[in-house]
Amino acid sequence: MNTSHLKSQFSVAKGLLLVVALLATTLTAYSQPSIRSVSVDGTQFRVMTSDSKILPQGTLPGTVISFGDGQGHRRSLRIDAVERDARDRSGETILYTFSEQDAAGAGWHNICDADPDGRRLGFPLGGSFSSDMRYTASADRVAIVCTAGAEGKCIRFGYKPWARAPDGSSLAPYYQTCLRLVRADYLGNGVGHTQNGVPIDIFDRIGVQKDEVAPGMTLEAAWGPDGALCVRHTRLANDPPLEDLARQSSHLFDLVGRACDDAHAGLLFDRSFEP
């Protein structure tokens, strides 16, 4: 899949907005019947009322969800709009427009930066991310992610960590691998080496993403959950130099440059324009 992506930063690109405990969640906008629970299923909020009914997604705009952030503070997000992701043929991916009230209480602002389509959307994802961008699924924690960041993009590419690949294998390791790939996190340490708008072609061998290489693109790297498995060239010029990658990673020692090709083992692969 040929795509142009935005670098995912926690506070700059707002790819990952916050991780909160769902157990400390309250919801306002409905008085009758009262809300019994709020959970996350895939990318959608499931709001159950006291009479055990699930509120339809179309009724959620205007709802304000208040989260405990685990540090003794609370943040409130308002759902302004709900839509199904037109890219997802299964129809299970739900996208939301979220806003948060300004600190001065003067108004509300969209929490997400614009994605490559110019839209500011997000969704909840059950689990959390470590500082080195390792995703851990969890039933009682939720990350609010935006479509501008790798966390949201990789879901929309089809690597849903709760789902199964066409061959029956779990897509969880593919999701983790996609996070590394999109961010050009060669060493798997959470440090990305890319910039806004750099085009890449993502493909795999399980039938989720096809190789749709643009003329002039060449193999950049083969990837696994812990980072690059081999690197033909970096996405940006000398960022980092190949010799630095080889020196810093024992498994990349002799797998940089021409030693990396399409025949190398990996879960995901990408092509880019050699800088």
Protein backbone atom coordinates (compact mmCIF):
# COMPACT_ATOMS: atom_id res chain seq x y z
CA MET A 1 0.00 0.00 0.00
CA ASN A 2 1.46 3.31 -1.05
CA THR A 3 0.91 5.94 1.62
CA SER A 4 2.24 9.25 2.82
CA HIS A 5 2.43 9.38 6.59
CA LEU A 6 2.86 11.83 9.42
CA LYS A 7 5.48 11.31 12.07
CA SER A 8 3.83 10.10 15.26
CA GLN A 9 4.70 12.12 18.34
CA PHE A 10 2.95 11.90 21.69
CA SER A 11 2.37 15.63 22.10
CA VAL A 12 3.20 17.15 18.73
CA ALA A 13 1.29 15.03 16.21
CA LYS A 14 -1.17 13.79 18.81
CA GLY A 15 -1.07 10.28 17.39
CA LEU A 16 -1.57 8.98 20.91
CA LEU A 17 -3.47 11.41 23.06
CA LEU A 18 -3.87 9.74 26.42
CA VAL A 19 -4.17 6.41 28.16
CA VAL A 20 -6.81 6.18 30.85
CA ALA A 21 -8.53 3.66 33.08
CA LEU A 22 -12.02 2.83 31.85
CA LEU A 23 -12.97 1.77 35.34
CA ALA A 24 -12.91 5.43 36.32
CA THR A 25 -15.12 6.56 33.46
CA THR A 26 -18.33 8.52 33.73
CA LEU A 27 -20.53 9.70 30.91
CA THR A 28 -22.93 12.60 30.65
CA ALA A 29 -25.58 13.56 28.10
CA TYR A 30 -28.13 10.93 29.04
CA SER A 31 -30.31 11.09 32.11
CA GLN A 32 -32.85 8.35 31.41
CA PRO A 33 -32.01 5.56 31.54
CA SER A 34 -28.76 5.90 33.47
CA ILE A 35 -25.41 4.59 32.21
CA ARG A 36 -24.25 1.26 33.64
CA SER A 37 -20.89 0.90 31.92
CA VAL A 38 -18.60 2.12 29.16
CA SER A 39 -16.26 -0.33 27.42
CA VAL A 40 -14.28 -0.53 24.19
CA ASP A 41 -14.85 -3.10 21.46
CA GLY A 42 -12.35 -2.82 18.63
CA THR A 43 -12.37 0.92 17.92
CA GLN A 44 -15.78 1.76 19.29
CA PHE A 45 -17.21 2.79 22.61
CA ARG A 46 -19.93 0.47 23.87
CA VAL A 47 -22.19 2.35 26.25
CA MET A 48 -24.58 0.15 28.21
CA THR A 49 -27.57 1.62 29.98
CA SER A 50 -29.11 0.48 33.25
CA ASP A 51 -31.68 -1.57 31.33
CA SER A 52 -28.83 -3.51 29.62
CA LYS A 53 -29.21 -1.85 26.22
CA ILE A 54 -26.25 -0.71 24.11
CA LEU A 55 -26.66 2.85 22.90
CA PRO A 56 -26.50 3.10 19.08
CA GLN A 57 -23.38 4.85 17.81
CA GLY A 58 -25.52 7.50 16.15
CA THR A 59 -26.82 8.65 19.52
CA LEU A 60 -23.37 9.33 20.99
CA PRO A 61 -22.58 12.79 19.51
CA GLY A 62 -22.87 15.34 22.30
CA THR A 63 -21.79 12.81 24.91
CA VAL A 64 -19.00 13.88 27.27
CA ILE A 65 -16.81 11.09 28.66
CA SER A 66 -14.81 11.88 31.78
CA PHE A 67 -11.65 9.85 32.37
CA GLY A 68 -9.37 9.40 35.34
CA ASP A 69 -5.82 9.74 34.02
CA GLY A 70 -4.23 7.59 36.74
CA GLN A 71 -2.51 10.62 38.28
CA GLY A 72 -5.38 11.98 40.29
CA HIS A 73 -6.71 14.20 37.51
CA ARG A 74 -9.69 13.95 35.22
CA ARG A 75 -10.05 14.86 31.57
CA SER A 76 -13.27 15.15 29.64
CA LEU A 77 -13.70 14.41 25.95
CA ARG A 78 -16.79 15.25 23.95
CA ILE A 79 -17.89 13.06 21.05
CA ASP A 80 -18.89 15.47 18.29
CA ALA A 81 -19.45 13.02 15.43
CA VAL A 82 -19.37 9.29 14.68
CA GLU A 83 -18.81 7.55 11.35
CA ARG A 84 -17.76 4.20 9.94
CA ASP A 85 -14.37 4.06 8.28
CA ALA A 86 -15.05 3.94 4.53
CA ARG A 87 -11.68 2.17 4.05
CA ASP A 88 -12.71 -0.78 6.19
CA ARG A 89 -14.77 -3.19 4.11
CA SER A 90 -15.80 -5.09 7.24
CA GLY A 91 -17.46 -1.95 8.61
CA GLU A 92 -16.16 -2.60 12.13
CA THR A 93 -13.82 0.39 12.40
CA ILE A 94 -15.60 3.38 13.94
CA LEU A 95 -14.10 6.87 13.76
CA TYR A 96 -14.95 9.71 16.11
CA THR A 97 -14.49 13.45 16.16
CA PHE A 98 -13.31 14.28 19.69
CA SER A 99 -13.00 17.66 21.35
CA GLU A 100 -11.73 18.84 24.70
CA GLN A 101 -12.61 21.99 26.58
CA ASP A 102 -10.02 24.75 26.70
CA ALA A 103 -8.29 25.24 30.03
CA ALA A 104 -10.02 28.58 30.47
CA GLY A 105 -13.37 26.95 29.76
CA ALA A 106 -14.00 29.34 26.87
CA GLY A 107 -14.62 26.70 24.22
CA TRP A 108 -13.90 23.26 22.81
CA HIS A 109 -11.17 22.24 20.38
CA ASN A 110 -10.54 19.11 18.30
CA ILE A 111 -7.90 16.98 20.01
CA CYS A 112 -6.40 15.46 16.83
CA ASP A 113 -4.06 16.87 14.23
CA ALA A 114 -4.97 16.50 10.56
CA ASP A 115 -4.24 13.12 8.96
CA PRO A 116 -3.02 12.74 5.33
CA ASP A 117 -6.62 13.25 4.17
CA GLY A 118 -6.85 16.49 6.11
CA ARG A 119 -9.32 15.07 8.61
CA ARG A 120 -9.07 15.18 12.41
CA LEU A 121 -10.42 11.86 13.65
CA GLY A 122 -9.69 9.36 16.40
CA PHE A 123 -10.94 6.32 18.24
CA PRO A 124 -10.44 4.37 21.45
CA LEU A 125 -8.17 1.32 21.55
CA GLY A 126 -8.18 -1.07 24.46
CA GLY A 127 -4.71 -1.17 25.99
CA SER A 128 -1.72 1.08 26.51
CA PHE A 129 1.63 2.06 24.97
CA SER A 130 4.97 2.11 26.74
CA SER A 131 7.52 4.89 26.30
CA ASP A 132 9.31 2.80 23.67
CA MET A 133 6.04 2.32 21.76
CA ARG A 134 5.27 -1.23 22.75
CA TYR A 135 1.53 -1.89 22.72
CA THR A 136 -0.10 -4.02 25.43
CA ALA A 137 -3.74 -5.00 25.07
CA SER A 138 -5.89 -4.52 28.16
CA ALA A 139 -9.58 -4.75 29.00
CA ASP A 140 -9.49 -2.05 31.68
CA ARG A 141 -7.33 0.59 30.02
CA VAL A 142 -7.90 2.53 26.83
CA ALA A 143 -5.72 4.68 24.60
CA ILE A 144 -7.38 7.48 22.66
CA VAL A 145 -5.53 7.53 19.35
CA CYS A 146 -5.79 9.77 16.31
CA THR A 147 -5.68 8.87 12.62
CA ALA A 148 -2.69 11.20 12.15
CA GLY A 149 -0.40 8.93 14.16
CA ALA A 150 1.05 5.46 13.62
CA GLU A 151 -1.18 4.09 16.40
CA GLY A 152 -4.29 4.94 14.39
CA LYS A 153 -2.88 4.45 10.90
CA CYS A 154 -1.84 0.85 11.53
CA ILE A 155 -5.39 -0.07 12.54
CA ARG A 156 -6.72 1.50 9.35
CA PHE A 157 -4.09 -0.33 7.28
CA GLY A 158 -5.79 -3.53 8.45
CA TYR A 159 -3.46 -4.64 11.26
CA LYS A 160 -6.09 -4.81 13.99
CA PRO A 161 -4.43 -6.35 17.07
CA TRP A 162 -7.64 -8.09 18.18
CA ALA A 163 -8.25 -9.70 14.77
CA ARG A 164 -6.93 -12.64 12.75
CA ALA A 165 -5.00 -12.64 9.50
CA PRO A 166 -6.34 -14.49 6.44
CA ASP A 167 -4.16 -17.47 7.44
CA GLY A 168 -5.68 -17.54 10.93
CA SER A 169 -2.68 -16.10 12.78
CA SER A 170 -3.02 -13.22 15.23
CA LEU A 171 -2.58 -9.72 13.84
CA ALA A 172 -1.20 -8.45 17.18
CA PRO A 173 2.48 -8.86 16.18
CA TYR A 174 1.71 -7.26 12.82
CA TYR A 175 0.23 -4.23 14.57
CA GLN A 176 3.34 -3.86 16.73
CA THR A 177 5.52 -4.29 13.64
CA CYS A 178 3.52 -1.66 11.79
CA LEU A 179 4.14 0.84 14.59
CA ARG A 180 7.89 0.33 14.14
CA LEU A 181 7.70 0.55 10.36
CA VAL A 182 5.52 3.67 10.06
CA ARG A 183 7.70 5.55 12.53
CA ALA A 184 10.97 4.22 11.00
CA ASP A 185 11.86 2.95 14.47
CA TYR A 186 14.73 0.77 13.24
CA LEU A 187 16.09 -0.16 16.66
CA GLY A 188 12.70 -0.72 18.29
CA ASN A 189 13.45 1.74 21.06
CA GLY A 190 10.65 4.20 20.37
CA VAL A 191 12.84 6.64 18.43
CA GLY A 192 11.46 7.39 14.97
CA HIS A 193 13.48 8.51 11.95
CA THR A 194 10.99 10.02 9.52
CA GLN A 195 9.25 13.26 8.64
CA ASN A 196 5.78 14.43 7.72
CA GLY A 197 4.67 13.51 4.23
CA VAL A 198 7.40 11.01 3.34
CA PRO A 199 5.77 8.40 1.05
CA ILE A 200 6.21 4.70 1.78
CA ASP A 201 4.83 1.47 0.35
CA ILE A 202 3.84 -1.06 3.04
CA PHE A 203 3.32 -4.71 2.15
CA ASP A 204 3.19 -8.14 3.74
CA ARG A 205 2.98 -11.82 2.83
CA ILE A 206 -0.37 -12.58 4.44
CA GLY A 207 -2.66 -10.69 2.08
CA VAL A 208 -3.52 -7.63 4.16
CA GLN A 209 -1.43 -5.06 2.25
CA LYS A 210 -0.24 -5.64 -1.32
CA ASP A 211 3.02 -4.38 -2.75
CA GLU A 212 1.97 -1.31 -4.77
CA VAL A 213 5.37 0.21 -5.34
CA ALA A 214 5.67 3.54 -7.11
CA PRO A 215 8.34 3.97 -9.81
CA GLY A 216 11.68 4.75 -8.18
CA MET A 217 10.87 3.21 -4.81
CA THR A 218 13.21 0.54 -3.51
CA LEU A 219 13.16 -1.76 -0.51
CA GLU A 220 13.89 0.14 2.69
CA ALA A 221 13.69 -2.58 5.33
CA ALA A 222 12.15 -5.80 6.57
CA TRP A 223 10.42 -5.47 9.94
CA GLY A 224 9.43 -7.37 13.05
CA PRO A 225 7.82 -6.37 16.37
CA ASP A 226 11.18 -5.28 17.80
CA GLY A 227 12.20 -3.09 14.86
CA ALA A 228 14.03 -3.59 11.58
CA LEU A 229 15.31 -7.07 10.74
CA CYS A 230 17.45 -5.72 7.92
CA VAL A 231 17.86 -2.24 6.41
CA ARG A 232 18.65 -1.61 2.74
CA HIS A 233 18.60 2.16 3.15
CA THR A 234 17.12 4.61 5.65
CA ARG A 235 14.08 6.73 4.88
CA LEU A 236 15.91 9.99 5.45
CA ALA A 237 19.44 10.78 4.39
CA ASN A 238 21.89 9.50 7.04
CA ASP A 239 19.17 9.40 9.72
CA PRO A 240 20.71 7.34 11.11
CA PRO A 241 23.78 6.31 9.09
CA LEU A 242 23.73 2.61 8.23
CA GLU A 243 27.02 2.05 10.02
CA ASP A 244 25.46 3.43 13.21
CA LEU A 245 22.58 0.98 12.95
CA ALA A 246 24.99 -1.89 12.44
CA ARG A 247 27.04 -0.80 15.43
CA GLN A 248 24.09 -0.24 17.78
CA SER A 249 22.22 -3.45 16.97
CA SER A 250 23.91 -6.84 17.03
CA HIS A 251 21.26 -8.44 14.81
CA LEU A 252 21.74 -5.74 12.16
CA PHE A 253 25.53 -6.02 12.18
CA ASP A 254 25.79 -7.64 8.76
CA LEU A 255 22.25 -6.96 7.51
CA VAL A 256 22.46 -3.41 6.25
CA GLY A 257 22.90 -2.14 2.72
CA ARG A 258 22.88 -4.69 -0.09
CA ALA A 259 22.66 -7.57 2.36
CA CYS A 260 18.98 -6.63 2.83
CA ASP A 261 16.62 -7.70 0.05
CA ASP A 262 13.04 -8.85 -0.58
CA ALA A 263 13.91 -12.45 0.28
CA HIS A 264 14.70 -11.60 3.90
CA ALA A 265 12.33 -12.90 6.59
CA GLY A 266 9.95 -10.39 8.13
CA LEU A 267 6.33 -9.72 9.03
CA LEU A 268 6.13 -6.43 7.13
CA PHE A 269 8.22 -4.70 4.49
CA ASP A 270 8.37 -1.21 3.10
CA ARG A 271 9.72 0.59 0.09
CA SER A 272 10.66 4.24 -0.05
CA PHE A 273 12.65 6.60 -2.22
CA GLU A 274 16.32 6.23 -1.46
CA PRO A 275 17.55 9.62 -0.17
